[in-house]
PDB file of N, CA and C in Angstrom:
ATOM      1  N   MET A   1      25.419  -6.484  39.214  1.00  0.00           N
ATOM      2  CA  MET A   1      25.121  -7.836  39.578  1.00  0.00           C
ATOM      3  C   MET A   1      23.897  -8.203  39.527  1.00  0.00           C
ATOM      4  N   VAL A   2      23.695  -9.242  39.100  1.00  0.00           N
ATOM      5  CA  VAL A   2      22.094  -9.599  38.973  1.00  0.00           C
ATOM      6  C   VAL A   2      21.518 -10.016  40.721  1.00  0.00           C
ATOM      7  N   ASN A   3      20.724  -9.905  41.154  1.00  0.00           N
ATOM      8  CA  ASN A   3      20.482 -10.676  42.229  1.00  0.00           C
ATOM      9  C   ASN A   3      19.863 -12.264  41.749  1.00  0.00           C
ATOM     10  N   MET A   4      20.256 -12.803  42.468  1.00  0.00           N
ATOM     11  CA  MET A   4      19.675 -14.509  42.537  1.00  0.00           C
ATOM     12  C   MET A   4      18.578 -14.737  43.617  1.00  0.00           C
ATOM     13  N   LYS A   5      17.582 -15.477  43.082  1.00  0.00           N
ATOM     14  CA  LYS A   5      16.515 -15.460  44.112  1.00  0.00           C
ATOM     15  C   LYS A   5      16.429 -17.056  44.337  1.00  0.00           C
ATOM     16  N   PRO A   6      16.598 -17.558  45.182  1.00  0.00           N
ATOM     17  CA  PRO A   6      16.279 -19.219  45.459  1.00  0.00           C
ATOM     18  C   PRO A   6      14.800 -19.655  45.160  1.00  0.00           C
ATOM     19  N   VAL A   7      14.752 -20.862  44.242  1.00  0.00           N
ATOM     20  CA  VAL A   7      13.918 -21.457  44.404  1.00  0.00           C
ATOM     21  C   VAL A   7      13.632 -22.867  44.610  1.00  0.00           C
ATOM     22  N   ALA A   8      12.128 -23.490  44.557  1.00  0.00           N
ATOM     23  CA  ALA A   8      11.877 -24.638  45.566  1.00  0.00           C
ATOM     24  C   ALA A   8      12.194 -25.561  44.067  1.00  0.00           C
ATOM     25  N   SER A   9      13.203 -26.673  44.012  1.00  0.00           N
ATOM     26  CA  SER A   9      13.728 -27.330  42.859  1.00  0.00           C
ATOM     27  C   SER A   9      14.772 -28.304  43.469  1.00  0.00           C
ATOM     28  N   ARG A  10      14.713 -29.577  43.253  1.00  0.00           N
ATOM     29  CA  ARG A  10      15.622 -30.446  43.710  1.00  0.00           C
ATOM     30  C   ARG A  10      16.983 -30.206  43.247  1.00  0.00           C
ATOM     31  N   ASN A  11      16.949 -29.630  41.815  1.00  0.00           N
ATOM     32  CA  ASN A  11      18.124 -29.707  41.102  1.00  0.00           C
ATOM     33  C   ASN A  11      18.858 -27.930  40.782  1.00  0.00           C
ATOM     34  N   LEU A  12      17.851 -27.128  40.973  1.00  0.00           N
ATOM     35  CA  LEU A  12      18.264 -25.493  40.698  1.00  0.00           C
ATOM     36  C   LEU A  12      18.326 -24.888  42.203  1.00  0.00           C
ATOM     37  N   GLN A  13      19.168 -24.243  42.554  1.00  0.00           N
ATOM     38  CA  GLN A  13      19.081 -23.708  43.729  1.00  0.00           C
ATOM     39  C   GLN A  13      18.616 -22.367  43.840  1.00  0.00           C
ATOM     40  N   ALA A  14      19.044 -21.228  42.708  1.00  0.00           N
ATOM     41  CA  ALA A  14      18.737 -20.071  42.737  1.00  0.00           C
ATOM     42  C   ALA A  14      18.745 -19.678  41.241  1.00  0.00           C
ATOM     43  N   VAL A  15      18.048 -18.826  40.771  1.00  0.00           N
ATOM     44  CA  VAL A  15      17.795 -18.103  39.494  1.00  0.00           C
ATOM     45  C   VAL A  15      17.997 -16.610  39.344  1.00  0.00           C
ATOM     46  N   GLY A  16      18.317 -15.989  38.465  1.00  0.00           N
ATOM     47  CA  GLY A  16      18.356 -14.478  38.143  1.00  0.00           C
ATOM     48  C   GLY A  16      18.347 -13.995  36.959  1.00  0.00           C
ATOM     49  N   TYR A  17      17.666 -12.881  36.405  1.00  0.00           N
ATOM     50  CA  TYR A  17      17.489 -12.676  35.038  1.00  0.00           C
ATOM     51  C   TYR A  17      18.038 -11.113  34.764  1.00  0.00           C
ATOM     52  N   ASP A  18      18.796 -10.863  33.777  1.00  0.00           N
ATOM     53  CA  ASP A  18      19.095  -9.598  33.419  1.00  0.00           C
ATOM     54  C   ASP A  18      18.189  -8.843  32.143  1.00  0.00           C
ATOM     55  N   ARG A  19      17.254  -8.447  32.246  1.00  0.00           N
ATOM     56  CA  ARG A  19      16.497  -8.101  31.234  1.00  0.00           C
ATOM     57  C   ARG A  19      17.309  -7.217  29.995  1.00  0.00           C
ATOM     58  N   LYS A  20      18.188  -6.367  30.538  1.00  0.00           N
ATOM     59  CA  LYS A  20      19.118  -5.604  29.783  1.00  0.00           C
ATOM     60  C   LYS A  20      19.701  -6.480  28.565  1.00  0.00           C
ATOM     61  N   THR A  21      20.667  -7.003  29.411  1.00  0.00           N
ATOM     62  CA  THR A  21      21.665  -7.962  28.505  1.00  0.00           C
ATOM     63  C   THR A  21      20.917  -9.572  28.207  1.00  0.00           C
ATOM     64  N   ARG A  22      20.012  -9.595  28.605  1.00  0.00           N
ATOM     65  CA  ARG A  22      19.200 -11.359  28.219  1.00  0.00           C
ATOM     66  C   ARG A  22      19.916 -12.231  28.659  1.00  0.00           C
ATOM     67  N   LYS A  23      20.476 -12.170  30.094  1.00  0.00           N
ATOM     68  CA  LYS A  23      21.390 -13.246  31.037  1.00  0.00           C
ATOM     69  C   LYS A  23      20.391 -13.640  31.481  1.00  0.00           C
ATOM     70  N   LEU A  24      20.506 -15.393  31.687  1.00  0.00           N
ATOM     71  CA  LEU A  24      19.614 -15.899  32.785  1.00  0.00           C
ATOM     72  C   LEU A  24      21.041 -16.702  33.554  1.00  0.00           C
ATOM     73  N   TYR A  25      20.753 -16.271  34.963  1.00  0.00           N
ATOM     74  CA  TYR A  25      21.773 -16.780  35.622  1.00  0.00           C
ATOM     75  C   TYR A  25      21.251 -18.150  36.433  1.00  0.00           C
ATOM     76  N   ALA A  26      22.010 -18.954  36.686  1.00  0.00           N
ATOM     77  CA  ALA A  26      21.534 -20.293  37.601  1.00  0.00           C
ATOM     78  C   ALA A  26      22.600 -20.788  38.172  1.00  0.00           C
ATOM     79  N   ARG A  27      22.307 -21.299  39.703  1.00  0.00           N
ATOM     80  CA  ARG A  27      23.091 -22.012  40.130  1.00  0.00           C
ATOM     81  C   ARG A  27      22.750 -23.356  41.117  1.00  0.00           C
ATOM     82  N   PHE A  28      23.315 -24.120  40.833  1.00  0.00           N
ATOM     83  CA  PHE A  28      22.591 -25.592  40.764  1.00  0.00           C
ATOM     84  C   PHE A  28      22.978 -26.026  42.328  1.00  0.00           C
ATOM     85  N   HIS A  29      22.363 -26.922  43.063  1.00  0.00           N
ATOM     86  CA  HIS A  29      22.727 -27.337  44.493  1.00  0.00           C
ATOM     87  C   HIS A  29      23.563 -28.307  44.199  1.00  0.00           C
ATOM     88  N   GLY A  30      24.838 -28.133  45.269  1.00  0.00           N
ATOM     89  CA  GLY A  30      26.270 -28.987  45.461  1.00  0.00           C
ATOM     90  C   GLY A  30      27.151 -28.325  44.554  1.00  0.00           C
ATOM     91  N   CYS A  31      26.795 -27.221  43.889  1.00  0.00           N
ATOM     92  CA  CYS A  31      27.994 -26.334  43.002  1.00  0.00           C
ATOM     93  C   CYS A  31      28.035 -25.006  43.199  1.00  0.00           C
ATOM     94  N   ASP A  32      29.608 -24.598  43.409  1.00  0.00           N
ATOM     95  CA  ASP A  32      29.563 -23.303  43.803  1.00  0.00           C
ATOM     96  C   ASP A  32      29.965 -22.259  42.779  1.00  0.00           C
ATOM     97  N   LYS A  33      29.410 -22.739  41.511  1.00  0.00           N
ATOM     98  CA  LYS A  33      30.002 -22.194  40.308  1.00  0.00           C
ATOM     99  C   LYS A  33      27.961 -21.499  39.800  1.00  0.00           C
ATOM    100  N   THR A  34      28.251 -19.827  38.837  1.00  0.00           N
ATOM    101  CA  THR A  34      26.854 -19.922  38.847  1.00  0.00           C
ATOM    102  C   THR A  34      27.023 -20.047  37.027  1.00  0.00           C
ATOM    103  N   TYR A  35      25.746 -20.228  36.462  1.00  0.00           N
ATOM    104  CA  TYR A  35      25.840 -20.587  34.895  1.00  0.00           C
ATOM    105  C   TYR A  35      25.203 -19.505  34.556  1.00  0.00           C
ATOM    106  N   VAL A  36      25.630 -18.793  33.273  1.00  0.00           N
ATOM    107  CA  VAL A  36      25.346 -17.620  32.836  1.00  0.00           C
ATOM    108  C   VAL A  36      24.946 -18.031  31.101  1.00  0.00           C
ATOM    109  N   TYR A  37      23.585 -18.244  31.112  1.00  0.00           N
ATOM    110  CA  TYR A  37      23.118 -18.234  29.846  1.00  0.00           C
ATOM    111  C   TYR A  37      22.771 -17.006  28.912  1.00  0.00           C
ATOM    112  N   GLN A  38      23.333 -17.170  27.668  1.00  0.00           N
ATOM    113  CA  GLN A  38      23.216 -16.065  26.911  1.00  0.00           C
ATOM    114  C   GLN A  38      22.012 -15.778  26.061  1.00  0.00           C
ATOM    115  N   ASN A  39      21.728 -14.739  25.665  1.00  0.00           N
ATOM    116  CA  ASN A  39      20.379 -14.287  24.666  1.00  0.00           C
ATOM    117  C   ASN A  39      19.325 -14.808  25.063  1.00  0.00           C
ATOM    118  N   VAL A  40      18.852 -15.178  26.429  1.00  0.00           N
ATOM    119  CA  VAL A  40      17.791 -15.656  26.516  1.00  0.00           C
ATOM    120  C   VAL A  40      16.287 -14.794  26.593  1.00  0.00           C
ATOM    121  N   PRO A  41      15.394 -15.001  26.002  1.00  0.00           N
ATOM    122  CA  PRO A  41      14.255 -13.905  25.799  1.00  0.00           C
ATOM    123  C   PRO A  41      13.365 -13.945  27.203  1.00  0.00           C
ATOM    124  N   PRO A  42      12.990 -12.708  27.168  1.00  0.00           N
ATOM    125  CA  PRO A  42      12.261 -12.602  28.659  1.00  0.00           C
ATOM    126  C   PRO A  42      10.709 -13.372  28.939  1.00  0.00           C
ATOM    127  N   LEU A  43      10.219 -14.016  27.477  1.00  0.00           N
ATOM    128  CA  LEU A  43       9.540 -14.935  27.621  1.00  0.00           C
ATOM    129  C   LEU A  43       9.987 -16.293  28.176  1.00  0.00           C
ATOM    130  N   PHE A  44      11.169 -16.778  28.000  1.00  0.00           N
ATOM    131  CA  PHE A  44      11.787 -17.995  28.814  1.00  0.00           C
ATOM    132  C   PHE A  44      11.835 -17.704  30.182  1.00  0.00           C
ATOM    133  N   TRP A  45      12.129 -16.336  30.823  1.00  0.00           N
ATOM    134  CA  TRP A  45      12.479 -16.201  31.842  1.00  0.00           C
ATOM    135  C   TRP A  45      11.031 -16.192  33.060  1.00  0.00           C
ATOM    136  N   LYS A  46      10.142 -15.771  32.340  1.00  0.00           N
ATOM    137  CA  LYS A  46       8.754 -15.338  32.841  1.00  0.00           C
ATOM    138  C   LYS A  46       8.016 -17.004  32.935  1.00  0.00           C
ATOM    139  N   ALA A  47       8.110 -17.824  31.931  1.00  0.00           N
ATOM    140  CA  ALA A  47       7.892 -18.885  31.872  1.00  0.00           C
ATOM    141  C   ALA A  47       8.521 -20.029  32.919  1.00  0.00           C
ATOM    142  N   LEU A  48       9.679 -19.649  33.149  1.00  0.00           N
ATOM    143  CA  LEU A  48      10.649 -20.578  34.670  1.00  0.00           C
ATOM    144  C   LEU A  48      10.051 -19.915  35.671  1.00  0.00           C
ATOM    145  N   GLN A  49       9.569 -18.875  35.601  1.00  0.00           N
ATOM    146  CA  GLN A  49       9.142 -18.434  37.129  1.00  0.00           C
ATOM    147  C   GLN A  49       7.925 -18.823  37.396  1.00  0.00           C
ATOM    148  N   LEU A  50       6.889 -19.323  36.366  1.00  0.00           N
ATOM    149  CA  LEU A  50       5.706 -19.693  36.577  1.00  0.00           C
ATOM    150  C   LEU A  50       5.499 -21.191  36.685  1.00  0.00           C
ATOM    151  N   ALA A  51       6.655 -21.986  36.025  1.00  0.00           N
ATOM    152  CA  ALA A  51       6.712 -23.229  35.827  1.00  0.00           C
ATOM    153  C   ALA A  51       6.382 -24.160  37.303  1.00  0.00           C
ATOM    154  N   ASP A  52       5.595 -25.019  37.094  1.00  0.00           N
ATOM    155  CA  ASP A  52       5.290 -25.867  38.180  1.00  0.00           C
ATOM    156  C   ASP A  52       6.700 -26.822  38.656  1.00  0.00           C
ATOM    157  N   SER A  53       7.605 -27.202  37.400  1.00  0.00           N
ATOM    158  CA  SER A  53       8.814 -27.691  37.896  1.00  0.00           C
ATOM    159  C   SER A  53       9.983 -26.901  37.212  1.00  0.00           C
ATOM    160  N   LYS A  54      10.409 -25.837  38.208  1.00  0.00           N
ATOM    161  CA  LYS A  54      11.660 -25.203  37.608  1.00  0.00           C
ATOM    162  C   LYS A  54      13.050 -26.176  37.380  1.00  0.00           C
ATOM    163  N   GLY A  55      13.122 -27.311  37.810  1.00  0.00           N
ATOM    164  CA  GLY A  55      14.010 -27.835  37.377  1.00  0.00           C
ATOM    165  C   GLY A  55      13.922 -28.635  36.000  1.00  0.00           C
ATOM    166  N   SER A  56      12.583 -29.032  35.577  1.00  0.00           N
ATOM    167  CA  SER A  56      12.010 -29.687  34.380  1.00  0.00           C
ATOM    168  C   SER A  56      12.080 -28.586  33.359  1.00  0.00           C
ATOM    169  N   PHE A  57      11.808 -27.500  33.777  1.00  0.00           N
ATOM    170  CA  PHE A  57      11.203 -26.276  32.795  1.00  0.00           C
ATOM    171  C   PHE A  57      12.707 -25.933  32.356  1.00  0.00           C
ATOM    172  N   PHE A  58      13.988 -25.987  33.383  1.00  0.00           N
ATOM    173  CA  PHE A  58      15.074 -25.652  32.926  1.00  0.00           C
ATOM    174  C   PHE A  58      15.533 -26.563  31.888  1.00  0.00           C
ATOM    175  N   GLN A  59      15.525 -27.891  32.052  1.00  0.00           N
ATOM    176  CA  GLN A  59      16.343 -29.027  31.666  1.00  0.00           C
ATOM    177  C   GLN A  59      15.892 -29.340  30.080  1.00  0.00           C
ATOM    178  N   GLU A  60      14.440 -28.896  29.912  1.00  0.00           N
ATOM    179  CA  GLU A  60      13.841 -28.730  28.550  1.00  0.00           C
ATOM    180  C   GLU A  60      13.930 -27.633  27.599  1.00  0.00           C
ATOM    181  N   TRP A  61      14.123 -26.479  27.999  1.00  0.00           N
ATOM    182  CA  TRP A  61      13.862 -25.315  27.527  1.00  0.00           C
ATOM    183  C   TRP A  61      15.330 -24.112  27.460  1.00  0.00           C
ATOM    184  N   ILE A  62      15.900 -24.490  28.416  1.00  0.00           N
ATOM    185  CA  ILE A  62      17.300 -23.545  28.430  1.00  0.00           C
ATOM    186  C   ILE A  62      18.514 -24.460  28.070  1.00  0.00           C
ATOM    187  N   VAL A  63      18.860 -25.570  29.013  1.00  0.00           N
ATOM    188  CA  VAL A  63      20.109 -26.308  28.595  1.00  0.00           C
ATOM    189  C   VAL A  63      19.758 -27.013  27.308  1.00  0.00           C
ATOM    190  N   GLY A  64      21.049 -26.909  26.599  1.00  0.00           N
ATOM    191  CA  GLY A  64      21.255 -27.170  25.220  1.00  0.00           C
ATOM    192  C   GLY A  64      20.768 -26.286  23.866  1.00  0.00           C
ATOM    193  N   ASN A  65      19.688 -25.186  24.567  1.00  0.00           N
ATOM    194  CA  ASN A  65      19.230 -24.439  23.765  1.00  0.00           C
ATOM    195  C   ASN A  65      19.641 -23.055  23.595  1.00  0.00           C
ATOM    196  N   PHE A  66      20.741 -22.501  24.677  1.00  0.00           N
ATOM    197  CA  PHE A  66      21.540 -21.560  25.161  1.00  0.00           C
ATOM    198  C   PHE A  66      23.077 -21.523  25.241  1.00  0.00           C
ATOM    199  N   LYS A  67      23.546 -20.666  24.576  1.00  0.00           N
ATOM    200  CA  LYS A  67      25.068 -21.091  25.050  1.00  0.00           C
ATOM    201  C   LYS A  67      25.278 -20.256  26.430  1.00  0.00           C
ATOM    202  N   TYR A  68      26.325 -20.980  27.404  1.00  0.00           N
ATOM    203  CA  TYR A  68      26.245 -20.258  28.478  1.00  0.00           C
ATOM    204  C   TYR A  68      27.910 -20.423  28.864  1.00  0.00           C
ATOM    205  N   GLU A  69      28.125 -19.581  29.763  1.00  0.00           N
ATOM    206  CA  GLU A  69      29.426 -19.774  30.414  1.00  0.00           C
ATOM    207  C   GLU A  69      29.349 -19.872  32.074  1.00  0.00           C
ATOM    208  N   VAL A  70      30.195 -20.092  32.780  1.00  0.00           N
ATOM    209  CA  VAL A  70      30.540 -20.341  33.972  1.00  0.00           C
ATOM    210  C   VAL A  70      31.470 -19.506  34.467  1.00  0.00           C
ATOM    211  N   VAL A  71      30.701 -19.219  35.645  1.00  0.00           N
ATOM    212  CA  VAL A  71      31.680 -17.591  36.464  1.00  0.00           C
ATOM    213  C   VAL A  71      31.012 -17.951  37.916  1.00  0.00           C
ATOM    214  N   ASP A  72      32.507 -17.132  38.476  1.00  0.00           N
ATOM    215  CA  ASP A  72      32.507 -17.084  40.014  1.00  0.00           C
ATOM    216  C   ASP A  72      31.567 -16.473  40.707  1.00  0.00           C
ATOM    217  N   GLU A  73      31.718 -14.851  40.162  1.00  0.00           N
ATOM    218  CA  GLU A  73      31.121 -13.602  40.673  1.00  0.00           C
ATOM    219  C   GLU A  73      29.686 -13.508  40.429  1.00  0.00           C
ATOM    220  N   VAL A  74      28.891 -14.081  41.303  1.00  0.00           N
ATOM    221  CA  VAL A  74      27.650 -13.507  41.223  1.00  0.00           C
ATOM    222  C   VAL A  74      27.076 -13.360  43.020  1.00  0.00           C
ATOM    223  N   ALA A  75      26.153 -12.611  42.920  1.00  0.00           N
ATOM    224  CA  ALA A  75      25.412 -12.042  44.109  1.00  0.00           C
ATOM    225  C   ALA A  75      25.204 -13.301  44.524  1.00  0.00           C
ATOM    226  N   PRO A  76      25.547 -13.604  46.050  1.00  0.00           N
ATOM    227  CA  PRO A  76      24.667 -14.957  46.493  1.00  0.00           C
ATOM    228  C   PRO A  76      23.091 -14.807  46.625  1.00  0.00           C
ATOM    229  N   PRO A  77      22.567 -16.301  46.778  1.00  0.00           N
ATOM    230  CA  PRO A  77      21.102 -15.998  46.651  1.00  0.00           C
ATOM    231  C   PRO A  77      20.365 -15.070  47.825  1.00  0.00           C
ATOM    232  N   ALA A  78      19.297 -14.258  47.604  1.00  0.00           N
ATOM    233  CA  ALA A  78      18.798 -13.724  48.806  1.00  0.00           C
ATOM    234  C   ALA A  78      17.961 -14.668  49.798  1.00  0.00           C
ATOM    235  N   LEU A  79      18.238 -14.193  50.796  1.00  0.00           N
ATOM    236  CA  LEU A  79      17.248 -14.996  51.751  1.00  0.00           C
ATOM    237  C   LEU A  79      15.897 -14.727  52.267  1.00  0.00           C
TER     238      LEU A  79
END
């Protein structure tokens, strides 16, 4: 399972990425589910990490551009 890392964002709580499967994992504040976005190129993961506003980047470049599924089982964010 991918390790989730907390991020400083009003919207996103934690994110993670699996290069082998190209899956981007996202957990949002106030939600106990994890969203798994499919076929996300590594460039988007790198750009998300470097973005000044993680939430804005996520909304503009990930949401609506990649298919996703909602799952319950993902490692909790590292503290």
